[in-house]
C-alpha atoms as a PDB file:
ATOM      1  CA  GLN A   1      17.275  -7.886  20.098  1.00  0.00           C
ATOM      2  CA  VAL A   2      14.105  -5.925  19.449  1.00  0.00           C
ATOM      3  CA  GLN A   3      10.727  -7.429  18.677  1.00  0.00           C
ATOM      4  CA  LEU A   4       8.023  -5.444  16.904  1.00  0.00           C
ATOM      5  CA  VAL A   5       4.308  -6.202  16.680  1.00  0.00           C
ATOM      6  CA  GLU A   6       1.992  -4.204  14.420  1.00  0.00           C
ATOM      7  CA  SER A   7      -1.755  -3.811  14.611  1.00  0.00           C
ATOM      8  CA  GLY A   8      -4.512  -1.653  13.170  1.00  0.00           C
ATOM      9  CA  GLY A   9      -4.554  -2.687   9.543  1.00  0.00           C
ATOM     10  CA  GLY A  10      -7.736  -3.517   7.725  1.00  0.00           C
ATOM     11  CA  LEU A  11     -10.125  -2.604   4.953  1.00  0.00           C
ATOM     12  CA  VAL A  12     -11.244   0.979   4.538  1.00  0.00           C
ATOM     13  CA  GLN A  13     -12.985   2.999   1.846  1.00  0.00           C
ATOM     14  CA  ALA A  14     -11.202   5.707  -0.096  1.00  0.00           C
ATOM     15  CA  GLY A  15     -11.154   8.910   1.890  1.00  0.00           C
ATOM     16  CA  GLY A  16     -11.269   7.064   5.175  1.00  0.00           C
ATOM     17  CA  SER A  17      -8.764   6.753   7.983  1.00  0.00           C
ATOM     18  CA  LEU A  18      -6.824   4.099   9.834  1.00  0.00           C
ATOM     19  CA  ARG A  19      -4.452   4.196  12.769  1.00  0.00           C
ATOM     20  CA  LEU A  20      -1.576   1.735  12.880  1.00  0.00           C
ATOM     21  CA  SER A  21       0.194   0.827  16.093  1.00  0.00           C
ATOM     22  CA  CYS A  22       3.514  -0.850  16.732  1.00  0.00           C
ATOM     23  CA  ALA A  23       4.786  -2.037  20.095  1.00  0.00           C
ATOM     24  CA  ALA A  24       8.469  -2.725  20.685  1.00  0.00           C
ATOM     25  CA  SER A  25       9.974  -5.051  23.245  1.00  0.00           C
ATOM     26  CA  GLY A  26      13.424  -6.324  24.075  1.00  0.00           C
ATOM     27  CA  ARG A  27      16.431  -4.020  23.916  1.00  0.00           C
ATOM     28  CA  VAL A  28      14.319  -0.918  23.433  1.00  0.00           C
ATOM     29  CA  ARG A  29      17.027   1.384  24.786  1.00  0.00           C
ATOM     30  CA  SER A  30      19.087   0.649  21.701  1.00  0.00           C
ATOM     31  CA  ILE A  31      16.457   2.154  19.408  1.00  0.00           C
ATOM     32  CA  ASN A  32      17.284   5.467  17.778  1.00  0.00           C
ATOM     33  CA  SER A  33      14.318   5.740  15.457  1.00  0.00           C
ATOM     34  CA  MET A  34      11.094   3.969  14.616  1.00  0.00           C
ATOM     35  CA  GLY A  35       9.040   4.158  11.506  1.00  0.00           C
ATOM     36  CA  TRP A  36       6.756   2.648   8.945  1.00  0.00           C
ATOM     37  CA  TYR A  37       7.499   1.149   5.553  1.00  0.00           C
ATOM     38  CA  ARG A  38       5.094  -0.347   3.074  1.00  0.00           C
ATOM     39  CA  GLN A  39       5.254  -2.784   0.211  1.00  0.00           C
ATOM     40  CA  ALA A  40       2.632  -3.120  -2.488  1.00  0.00           C
ATOM     41  CA  PRO A  41       2.496  -6.145  -4.823  1.00  0.00           C
ATOM     42  CA  GLY A  42       5.203  -5.932  -7.454  1.00  0.00           C
ATOM     43  CA  LYS A  43       6.875  -2.947  -5.820  1.00  0.00           C
ATOM     44  CA  GLN A  44       9.893  -2.369  -3.621  1.00  0.00           C
ATOM     45  CA  ARG A  45       9.468  -1.711   0.055  1.00  0.00           C
ATOM     46  CA  GLU A  46       9.417   2.037   0.599  1.00  0.00           C
ATOM     47  CA  LEU A  47       9.674   4.369   3.543  1.00  0.00           C
ATOM     48  CA  VAL A  48       6.400   5.921   4.641  1.00  0.00           C
ATOM     49  CA  ALA A  49       7.535   7.860   7.701  1.00  0.00           C
ATOM     50  CA  ASP A  50       9.935   7.644  10.590  1.00  0.00           C
ATOM     51  CA  ILE A  51      10.599   9.433  13.846  1.00  0.00           C
ATOM     52  CA  THR A  52      13.722   9.711  15.984  1.00  0.00           C
ATOM     53  CA  ILE A  53      13.940   9.645  19.770  1.00  0.00           C
ATOM     54  CA  ASP A  54      14.097  13.433  19.831  1.00  0.00           C
ATOM     55  CA  GLY A  55      10.901  13.706  17.809  1.00  0.00           C
ATOM     56  CA  THR A  56      12.278  14.553  14.382  1.00  0.00           C
ATOM     57  CA  THR A  57       9.943  13.237  11.689  1.00  0.00           C
ATOM     58  CA  ASN A  58      10.397  12.373   8.052  1.00  0.00           C
ATOM     59  CA  TYR A  59       7.692  11.579   5.503  1.00  0.00           C
ATOM     60  CA  SER A  60       7.515  10.236   2.012  1.00  0.00           C
ATOM     61  CA  ASP A  61       6.277  12.874  -0.417  1.00  0.00           C
ATOM     62  CA  SER A  62       3.367  10.636  -1.331  1.00  0.00           C
ATOM     63  CA  VAL A  63       1.928  10.709   2.195  1.00  0.00           C
ATOM     64  CA  LYS A  64       3.031  14.115   3.440  1.00  0.00           C
ATOM     65  CA  GLY A  65       0.060  16.086   4.695  1.00  0.00           C
ATOM     66  CA  ARG A  66      -2.132  13.000   5.005  1.00  0.00           C
ATOM     67  CA  PHE A  67      -0.238  10.762   7.424  1.00  0.00           C
ATOM     68  CA  THR A  68       1.097  11.596  10.860  1.00  0.00           C
ATOM     69  CA  ILE A  69       3.659   9.563  12.750  1.00  0.00           C
ATOM     70  CA  SER A  70       3.952   9.770  16.518  1.00  0.00           C
ATOM     71  CA  ARG A  71       5.805   8.004  19.286  1.00  0.00           C
ATOM     72  CA  ASP A  72       5.135   7.140  22.904  1.00  0.00           C
ATOM     73  CA  ASN A  73       8.460   6.386  24.553  1.00  0.00           C
ATOM     74  CA  ALA A  74       6.832   5.310  27.819  1.00  0.00           C
ATOM     75  CA  LYS A  75       4.948   2.590  25.961  1.00  0.00           C
ATOM     76  CA  ASN A  76       7.756   1.841  23.494  1.00  0.00           C
ATOM     77  CA  ALA A  77       5.267   2.355  20.725  1.00  0.00           C
ATOM     78  CA  VAL A  78       4.969   4.158  17.425  1.00  0.00           C
ATOM     79  CA  TYR A  79       1.773   5.084  15.617  1.00  0.00           C
ATOM     80  CA  LEU A  80       0.771   6.067  12.125  1.00  0.00           C
ATOM     81  CA  GLN A  81      -2.426   8.031  11.667  1.00  0.00           C
ATOM     82  CA  MET A  82      -3.488   7.696   8.042  1.00  0.00           C
ATOM     83  CA  ASN A  83      -6.114  10.067   6.699  1.00  0.00           C
ATOM     84  CA  SER A  84      -7.569  10.658   3.237  1.00  0.00           C
ATOM     85  CA  LEU A  85      -6.616   7.163   2.205  1.00  0.00           C
ATOM     86  CA  SER A  86      -6.425   6.251  -1.458  1.00  0.00           C
ATOM     87  CA  PRO A  87      -6.338   2.861  -3.199  1.00  0.00           C
ATOM     88  CA  GLU A  88      -2.709   3.693  -3.968  1.00  0.00           C
ATOM     89  CA  ASP A  89      -2.018   3.339  -0.250  1.00  0.00           C
ATOM     90  CA  THR A  90      -2.935  -0.344  -0.354  1.00  0.00           C
ATOM     91  CA  ALA A  91       0.064  -2.334   0.848  1.00  0.00           C
ATOM     92  CA  VAL A  92       1.487  -4.350   3.681  1.00  0.00           C
ATOM     93  CA  TYR A  93       2.750  -1.897   6.260  1.00  0.00           C
ATOM     94  CA  TYR A  94       5.808  -2.841   8.282  1.00  0.00           C
ATOM     95  CA  CYS A  95       6.976  -1.351  11.525  1.00  0.00           C
ATOM     96  CA  ASN A  96      10.683  -0.580  11.591  1.00  0.00           C
ATOM     97  CA  SER A  97      13.066   0.044  14.458  1.00  0.00           C
ATOM     98  CA  ALA A  98      16.577   1.289  13.770  1.00  0.00           C
ATOM     99  CA  GLN A  99      19.603   0.829  15.970  1.00  0.00           C
ATOM    100  CA  THR A 100      22.390   3.242  15.098  1.00  0.00           C
ATOM    101  CA  TRP A 101      25.114   2.291  17.561  1.00  0.00           C
ATOM    102  CA  PRO A 102      27.559   0.654  17.226  1.00  0.00           C
ATOM    103  CA  ARG A 103      26.261   0.385  13.660  1.00  0.00           C
ATOM    104  CA  ARG A 104      22.939   0.729  11.933  1.00  0.00           C
ATOM    105  CA  PHE A 105      20.697  -2.314  12.173  1.00  0.00           C
ATOM    106  CA  ASP A 106      17.039  -2.546  11.287  1.00  0.00           C
ATOM    107  CA  TYR A 107      14.397  -4.626  13.009  1.00  0.00           C
ATOM    108  CA  TRP A 108      11.090  -5.410  11.321  1.00  0.00           C
ATOM    109  CA  GLY A 109       7.618  -6.404  12.350  1.00  0.00           C
ATOM    110  CA  GLN A 110       5.594  -9.053  10.564  1.00  0.00           C
ATOM    111  CA  GLY A 111       3.475  -6.507   8.723  1.00  0.00           C
ATOM    112  CA  THR A 112      -0.168  -5.524   8.726  1.00  0.00           C
ATOM    113  CA  GLN A 113      -2.328  -5.377   5.609  1.00  0.00           C
ATOM    114  CA  VAL A 114      -3.983  -2.110   4.643  1.00  0.00           C
ATOM    115  CA  THR A 115      -6.508  -2.282   1.832  1.00  0.00           C
ATOM    116  CA  VAL A 116      -8.250   0.815   0.516  1.00  0.00           C
ATOM    117  CA  SER A 117     -11.251   0.313  -1.742  1.00  0.00           C
ATOM    118  CA  SER A 118     -12.307   2.808  -4.389  1.00  0.00           C
END
């Protein structure tokens, strides 16, 4: 089992920045990738960015160039630096950890609210 705890959400003005953090505990050696998803009211949960253990990153087109995902394996943590925030980025952001062996299984944090005012 893997447990994930997010932090860093809050209220920020448009154009501002926030840094989200997620700490993993438990069977951390089973983790292949970690990432961030978000869900706005009335919308489906969507991938924001993820990163594999070898450092390969993937970003949603809507955040590419503005957000940066990073990972600290020693701390079992993943971070999301969010710059040039827009009200469209307002959502609950969820940390995700993916196990890929013996089969894919996703673990989720409780979520942290990000609100961007205009």
